[in-house]
Structures are given as C-alpha cells and as structure tokens.
N, C-alpha and C. Protein backbone atom coordinates (compact mmCIF):
# COMPACT_ATOMS: atom_id res chain seq x y z
N MET A 1 4.58 -46.44 60.47
CA MET A 1 5.17 -46.59 61.79
C MET A 1 4.05 -46.48 62.82
N SER A 2 4.00 -47.41 63.74
CA SER A 2 2.95 -47.39 64.74
C SER A 2 3.17 -46.24 65.71
N ARG A 3 2.09 -45.80 66.33
CA ARG A 3 2.15 -44.69 67.28
C ARG A 3 3.04 -45.06 68.47
N SER A 4 2.96 -46.31 68.92
CA SER A 4 3.77 -46.75 70.05
C SER A 4 5.25 -46.70 69.71
N LEU A 5 5.62 -47.16 68.52
CA LEU A 5 7.02 -47.14 68.11
C LEU A 5 7.50 -45.70 67.97
N ALA A 6 6.70 -44.85 67.38
CA ALA A 6 7.08 -43.44 67.23
C ALA A 6 7.28 -42.79 68.60
N TYR A 7 6.41 -43.11 69.54
CA TYR A 7 6.53 -42.57 70.89
C TYR A 7 7.83 -43.03 71.55
N ARG A 8 8.16 -44.31 71.40
CA ARG A 8 9.40 -44.84 71.99
C ARG A 8 10.63 -44.19 71.36
N LEU A 9 10.59 -43.97 70.04
CA LEU A 9 11.71 -43.32 69.37
C LEU A 9 11.90 -41.89 69.86
N VAL A 10 10.79 -41.19 70.08
CA VAL A 10 10.88 -39.83 70.62
C VAL A 10 11.49 -39.85 72.01
N LEU A 11 11.08 -40.77 72.85
CA LEU A 11 11.63 -40.86 74.20
C LEU A 11 13.11 -41.18 74.18
N VAL A 12 13.52 -42.12 73.35
CA VAL A 12 14.93 -42.48 73.26
C VAL A 12 15.74 -41.30 72.73
N SER A 13 15.22 -40.61 71.73
CA SER A 13 15.92 -39.44 71.20
C SER A 13 16.09 -38.36 72.25
N MET A 14 15.03 -38.13 73.02
CA MET A 14 15.12 -37.13 74.10
C MET A 14 16.16 -37.54 75.13
N ALA A 15 16.22 -38.81 75.44
CA ALA A 15 17.20 -39.29 76.42
C ALA A 15 18.62 -39.12 75.90
N LEU A 16 18.84 -39.39 74.62
CA LEU A 16 20.17 -39.24 74.04
C LEU A 16 20.62 -37.79 74.07
N VAL A 17 19.72 -36.88 73.76
CA VAL A 17 20.05 -35.46 73.81
C VAL A 17 20.31 -35.03 75.24
N ALA A 18 19.53 -35.54 76.16
CA ALA A 18 19.65 -35.13 77.55
C ALA A 18 20.93 -35.60 78.21
N ILE A 19 21.50 -36.68 77.72
CA ILE A 19 22.73 -37.20 78.33
C ILE A 19 23.82 -36.14 78.30
N SER A 20 23.86 -35.35 77.24
CA SER A 20 24.89 -34.33 77.14
C SER A 20 24.40 -32.96 77.57
N ALA A 21 23.16 -32.86 78.00
CA ALA A 21 22.60 -31.56 78.39
C ALA A 21 23.10 -31.13 79.76
N PRO A 22 23.39 -29.83 79.91
CA PRO A 22 23.78 -29.34 81.23
C PRO A 22 22.63 -29.51 82.20
N GLY A 23 22.94 -29.87 83.41
CA GLY A 23 21.90 -30.05 84.42
C GLY A 23 21.30 -31.43 84.43
N CYS A 24 21.69 -32.28 83.50
CA CYS A 24 21.18 -33.64 83.47
C CYS A 24 21.76 -34.40 84.64
N GLN A 25 20.92 -35.12 85.36
CA GLN A 25 21.38 -35.80 86.55
C GLN A 25 21.20 -37.30 86.39
N SER A 26 22.21 -38.02 86.80
CA SER A 26 22.07 -39.47 86.87
C SER A 26 22.80 -39.94 88.10
N SER A 27 22.42 -41.08 88.54
CA SER A 27 23.06 -41.67 89.70
C SER A 27 23.56 -43.04 89.28
N PRO A 28 24.78 -43.40 89.69
CA PRO A 28 25.32 -44.69 89.27
C PRO A 28 24.47 -45.88 89.70
N ASP A 29 23.62 -45.70 90.70
CA ASP A 29 22.82 -46.82 91.17
C ASP A 29 21.42 -46.83 90.58
N GLN A 30 21.12 -45.90 89.67
CA GLN A 30 19.80 -45.87 89.04
C GLN A 30 19.90 -46.41 87.62
N PHE A 31 19.47 -47.64 87.44
CA PHE A 31 19.46 -48.22 86.11
C PHE A 31 18.30 -49.18 85.98
N VAL A 32 17.94 -49.46 84.73
CA VAL A 32 16.83 -50.35 84.44
C VAL A 32 17.24 -51.77 84.85
N PRO A 33 16.45 -52.39 85.70
CA PRO A 33 16.79 -53.77 86.11
C PRO A 33 16.77 -54.70 84.90
N ASN A 34 17.69 -55.63 84.89
CA ASN A 34 17.73 -56.69 83.88
C ASN A 34 18.00 -56.22 82.46
N GLU A 35 18.63 -55.03 82.30
CA GLU A 35 19.01 -54.55 80.98
C GLU A 35 20.41 -53.96 81.02
N ILE A 36 21.14 -54.14 79.92
CA ILE A 36 22.44 -53.50 79.75
C ILE A 36 22.49 -52.85 78.37
N VAL A 37 23.42 -51.92 78.20
CA VAL A 37 23.65 -51.27 76.91
C VAL A 37 25.02 -51.73 76.41
N VAL A 38 25.06 -52.18 75.16
CA VAL A 38 26.31 -52.69 74.59
C VAL A 38 26.54 -52.04 73.23
N LYS A 39 27.78 -51.59 73.03
CA LYS A 39 28.20 -51.11 71.71
C LYS A 39 29.32 -52.03 71.24
N PHE A 40 29.10 -52.62 70.09
CA PHE A 40 30.11 -53.48 69.49
C PHE A 40 31.11 -52.63 68.70
N LYS A 41 32.32 -53.11 68.59
CA LYS A 41 33.36 -52.39 67.86
C LYS A 41 32.97 -52.30 66.39
N ASP A 42 33.41 -51.20 65.76
CA ASP A 42 33.16 -51.02 64.33
C ASP A 42 33.72 -52.21 63.56
N GLY A 43 32.98 -52.64 62.57
CA GLY A 43 33.41 -53.76 61.74
C GLY A 43 32.96 -55.12 62.24
N THR A 44 32.34 -55.14 63.44
CA THR A 44 31.84 -56.42 63.96
C THR A 44 30.58 -56.81 63.19
N SER A 45 30.58 -57.99 62.64
CA SER A 45 29.43 -58.43 61.84
C SER A 45 28.20 -58.66 62.73
N SER A 46 27.04 -58.53 62.12
CA SER A 46 25.81 -58.79 62.86
C SER A 46 25.74 -60.26 63.28
N GLN A 47 26.36 -61.14 62.50
CA GLN A 47 26.40 -62.55 62.85
C GLN A 47 27.22 -62.77 64.13
N ALA A 48 28.37 -62.11 64.23
CA ALA A 48 29.21 -62.23 65.43
C ALA A 48 28.48 -61.66 66.65
N GLN A 49 27.77 -60.56 66.46
CA GLN A 49 27.00 -59.97 67.55
C GLN A 49 25.91 -60.94 68.02
N ALA A 50 25.19 -61.51 67.06
CA ALA A 50 24.11 -62.45 67.40
C ALA A 50 24.66 -63.69 68.10
N GLN A 51 25.80 -64.18 67.65
CA GLN A 51 26.40 -65.36 68.28
C GLN A 51 26.79 -65.07 69.73
N LEU A 52 27.39 -63.90 69.97
CA LEU A 52 27.76 -63.55 71.34
C LEU A 52 26.52 -63.39 72.21
N ASN A 53 25.51 -62.70 71.69
CA ASN A 53 24.28 -62.52 72.47
C ASN A 53 23.64 -63.86 72.81
N GLU A 54 23.64 -64.78 71.85
CA GLU A 54 23.07 -66.11 72.10
C GLU A 54 23.89 -66.84 73.17
N ALA A 55 25.20 -66.77 73.05
CA ALA A 55 26.08 -67.45 74.02
C ALA A 55 25.90 -66.87 75.43
N MET A 56 25.62 -65.58 75.51
CA MET A 56 25.45 -64.90 76.80
C MET A 56 24.01 -65.04 77.33
N GLY A 57 23.11 -65.48 76.46
CA GLY A 57 21.71 -65.64 76.88
C GLY A 57 20.93 -64.35 76.89
N THR A 58 21.41 -63.34 76.16
CA THR A 58 20.73 -62.05 76.13
C THR A 58 19.83 -61.94 74.91
N VAL A 59 18.91 -60.98 74.97
CA VAL A 59 17.99 -60.72 73.87
C VAL A 59 18.01 -59.22 73.59
N VAL A 60 18.12 -58.85 72.32
CA VAL A 60 18.10 -57.45 71.94
C VAL A 60 16.66 -56.93 72.08
N VAL A 61 16.48 -55.89 72.91
CA VAL A 61 15.16 -55.28 73.06
C VAL A 61 15.07 -53.97 72.32
N TYR A 62 16.23 -53.39 71.97
CA TYR A 62 16.25 -52.15 71.20
C TYR A 62 17.62 -52.01 70.54
N SER A 63 17.63 -51.64 69.27
CA SER A 63 18.86 -51.30 68.55
C SER A 63 18.75 -49.86 68.09
N SER A 64 19.68 -49.04 68.49
CA SER A 64 19.65 -47.62 68.12
C SER A 64 20.08 -47.44 66.68
N PRO A 65 19.27 -46.77 65.89
CA PRO A 65 19.68 -46.49 64.52
C PRO A 65 20.68 -45.34 64.46
N PHE A 66 20.85 -44.62 65.55
CA PHE A 66 21.72 -43.44 65.56
C PHE A 66 23.02 -43.67 66.33
N GLY A 67 22.92 -44.26 67.52
CA GLY A 67 24.09 -44.41 68.37
C GLY A 67 24.82 -45.72 68.21
N GLU A 68 24.29 -46.58 67.35
CA GLU A 68 24.92 -47.87 67.09
C GLU A 68 25.17 -48.68 68.36
N PHE A 69 24.20 -48.70 69.22
CA PHE A 69 24.28 -49.52 70.43
C PHE A 69 23.01 -50.34 70.53
N ASP A 70 23.08 -51.40 71.35
CA ASP A 70 21.91 -52.24 71.59
C ASP A 70 21.58 -52.23 73.07
N VAL A 71 20.29 -52.28 73.37
CA VAL A 71 19.84 -52.51 74.74
C VAL A 71 19.48 -53.99 74.80
N LEU A 72 20.08 -54.70 75.75
CA LEU A 72 19.90 -56.14 75.86
C LEU A 72 19.21 -56.52 77.16
N ALA A 73 18.25 -57.41 77.07
CA ALA A 73 17.65 -58.01 78.27
C ALA A 73 18.56 -59.15 78.70
N ILE A 74 18.88 -59.17 79.99
CA ILE A 74 19.81 -60.19 80.48
C ILE A 74 19.03 -61.41 80.98
N PRO A 75 19.68 -62.57 81.00
CA PRO A 75 18.97 -63.78 81.41
C PRO A 75 18.64 -63.79 82.90
N GLU A 76 17.57 -64.48 83.21
CA GLU A 76 17.16 -64.64 84.60
C GLU A 76 18.29 -65.31 85.39
N GLY A 77 18.50 -64.83 86.60
CA GLY A 77 19.53 -65.40 87.44
C GLY A 77 20.88 -64.70 87.33
N LYS A 78 21.00 -63.78 86.38
CA LYS A 78 22.23 -63.00 86.22
C LYS A 78 21.98 -61.57 86.69
N THR A 79 23.03 -60.92 87.16
CA THR A 79 22.89 -59.52 87.57
C THR A 79 23.41 -58.62 86.46
N VAL A 80 22.99 -57.37 86.52
CA VAL A 80 23.47 -56.37 85.57
C VAL A 80 24.99 -56.28 85.66
N GLU A 81 25.51 -56.25 86.87
CA GLU A 81 26.96 -56.13 87.05
C GLU A 81 27.72 -57.30 86.42
N GLU A 82 27.20 -58.52 86.61
CA GLU A 82 27.84 -59.71 86.02
C GLU A 82 27.87 -59.63 84.50
N MET A 83 26.76 -59.19 83.92
CA MET A 83 26.67 -59.16 82.46
C MET A 83 27.51 -58.03 81.88
N VAL A 84 27.58 -56.89 82.56
CA VAL A 84 28.44 -55.80 82.09
C VAL A 84 29.89 -56.28 82.09
N GLU A 85 30.29 -56.95 83.14
CA GLU A 85 31.67 -57.46 83.23
C GLU A 85 31.93 -58.50 82.13
N ALA A 86 30.99 -59.41 81.93
CA ALA A 86 31.18 -60.47 80.92
C ALA A 86 31.29 -59.88 79.52
N TYR A 87 30.42 -58.94 79.17
CA TYR A 87 30.48 -58.33 77.84
C TYR A 87 31.74 -57.48 77.69
N SER A 88 32.13 -56.76 78.75
CA SER A 88 33.31 -55.89 78.68
C SER A 88 34.58 -56.66 78.37
N LYS A 89 34.62 -57.93 78.71
CA LYS A 89 35.80 -58.77 78.47
C LYS A 89 35.88 -59.29 77.04
N GLN A 90 34.84 -59.10 76.27
CA GLN A 90 34.80 -59.65 74.91
C GLN A 90 35.55 -58.73 73.95
N PRO A 91 36.40 -59.29 73.09
CA PRO A 91 37.21 -58.45 72.19
C PRO A 91 36.40 -57.69 71.14
N ILE A 92 35.17 -58.10 70.86
CA ILE A 92 34.36 -57.40 69.85
C ILE A 92 33.49 -56.31 70.46
N VAL A 93 33.58 -56.12 71.77
CA VAL A 93 32.73 -55.14 72.46
C VAL A 93 33.53 -53.87 72.75
N GLU A 94 32.99 -52.73 72.30
CA GLU A 94 33.62 -51.44 72.60
C GLU A 94 33.33 -51.04 74.04
N TYR A 95 32.06 -51.15 74.44
CA TYR A 95 31.71 -50.90 75.84
C TYR A 95 30.42 -51.61 76.20
N ALA A 96 30.26 -51.84 77.49
CA ALA A 96 29.03 -52.40 78.05
C ALA A 96 28.80 -51.67 79.36
N GLU A 97 27.55 -51.30 79.61
CA GLU A 97 27.22 -50.58 80.83
C GLU A 97 25.76 -50.83 81.19
N PRO A 98 25.40 -50.54 82.45
CA PRO A 98 23.99 -50.64 82.81
C PRO A 98 23.16 -49.67 81.97
N ASN A 99 21.90 -49.92 81.83
CA ASN A 99 20.99 -49.02 81.13
C ASN A 99 20.55 -47.95 82.14
N TYR A 100 21.40 -46.94 82.31
CA TYR A 100 21.17 -45.91 83.32
C TYR A 100 19.89 -45.13 83.08
N ILE A 101 19.27 -44.73 84.16
CA ILE A 101 18.09 -43.89 84.12
C ILE A 101 18.56 -42.45 84.31
N GLU A 102 18.26 -41.60 83.35
CA GLU A 102 18.64 -40.19 83.40
C GLU A 102 17.42 -39.36 83.77
N GLU A 103 17.65 -38.37 84.61
CA GLU A 103 16.60 -37.42 84.95
C GLU A 103 16.79 -36.21 84.06
N ILE A 104 15.80 -35.94 83.23
CA ILE A 104 15.87 -34.85 82.27
C ILE A 104 15.14 -33.64 82.84
N PRO A 105 15.86 -32.52 83.01
CA PRO A 105 15.18 -31.32 83.51
C PRO A 105 14.13 -30.86 82.51
N GLN A 106 12.96 -30.52 83.01
CA GLN A 106 11.86 -30.09 82.16
C GLN A 106 11.58 -28.60 82.38
N PRO A 107 11.61 -27.80 81.31
CA PRO A 107 11.25 -26.39 81.47
C PRO A 107 9.77 -26.27 81.82
N ASN A 108 9.45 -25.37 82.73
CA ASN A 108 8.05 -25.13 83.14
C ASN A 108 7.35 -26.39 83.58
N GLY A 109 8.07 -27.29 84.20
CA GLY A 109 7.45 -28.52 84.69
C GLY A 109 7.19 -29.55 83.62
N GLY A 110 7.40 -29.21 82.34
CA GLY A 110 7.26 -30.17 81.27
C GLY A 110 5.84 -30.41 80.78
N GLU A 111 4.87 -29.82 81.44
CA GLU A 111 3.47 -30.06 81.05
C GLU A 111 3.18 -29.63 79.62
N GLU A 112 3.66 -28.46 79.22
CA GLU A 112 3.38 -27.95 77.88
C GLU A 112 3.96 -28.87 76.81
N MET A 113 5.19 -29.36 77.04
CA MET A 113 5.85 -30.23 76.06
C MET A 113 5.09 -31.53 75.87
N LEU A 114 4.57 -32.09 76.95
CA LEU A 114 3.83 -33.34 76.83
C LEU A 114 2.57 -33.16 76.02
N HIS A 115 1.85 -32.06 76.23
CA HIS A 115 0.61 -31.83 75.50
C HIS A 115 0.88 -31.55 74.03
N GLU A 116 1.99 -30.89 73.72
CA GLU A 116 2.33 -30.61 72.33
C GLU A 116 2.65 -31.89 71.57
N ALA A 117 3.21 -32.88 72.24
CA ALA A 117 3.61 -34.13 71.58
C ALA A 117 2.40 -34.99 71.23
N GLU A 118 1.29 -34.77 71.88
CA GLU A 118 0.11 -35.63 71.64
C GLU A 118 -0.61 -35.30 70.39
C-alpha cells in the first residue's frame, strides 16, 4: 500500500469516527465543491451502480470499504444540489448528500497526533 493511500485512509477513518464524536461541528454550507456522497441500496449490483454513474456523468473518486458509500465527482456545469436531487430520486439509491466538511476537535491543538502519525 502506498504511503499516500495509507494517509488518505487514515484521514477518511478519522473523519468517519469524528462524525459521531461529541463536539464535532459541521455547517450545512461547508462541503467539498463538485463532490457528492452516495450510498446505494443493499443488493444493488456494481453494474447497476456503474450504469447510473455513467448516465449521470459522475466519476467515483473514493469507495469506502467500511461505510459502503462512494464519493463521486460531479460533471462540469452541474451543481452539488442538482446532483444530490437527481441521485436521491433514483430507486437504487439509499441516500445522496453533499460531501460535507467536518471540523474535528483536536486535543492539545492536535500537534502531537500529527507528529505521531509520521
């Protein structure tokens, strides 16, 4: 596993834990531009998922091995809101939402944790 991939997995894992952590702050207007998060309903084939993504013009930039969701890059000229609405209307989609940015509280400013990870 490359160091870059391992680093990204650590960051995603930390974000998933932080979502349920007390004191975690997010704002509905803070999300990654041009990305949405989609979870397909259980039993949806990977072929059906790929066909929908192709039809919508999206590209999978990350698939969670734990949360069973995908982060999708949306096509140029579309807004996050438009794509969330379009995916939400699909019968094979459990949910679609913006890729929200979460602020994770860091104990002691977080400096020690960053140095330990290196």
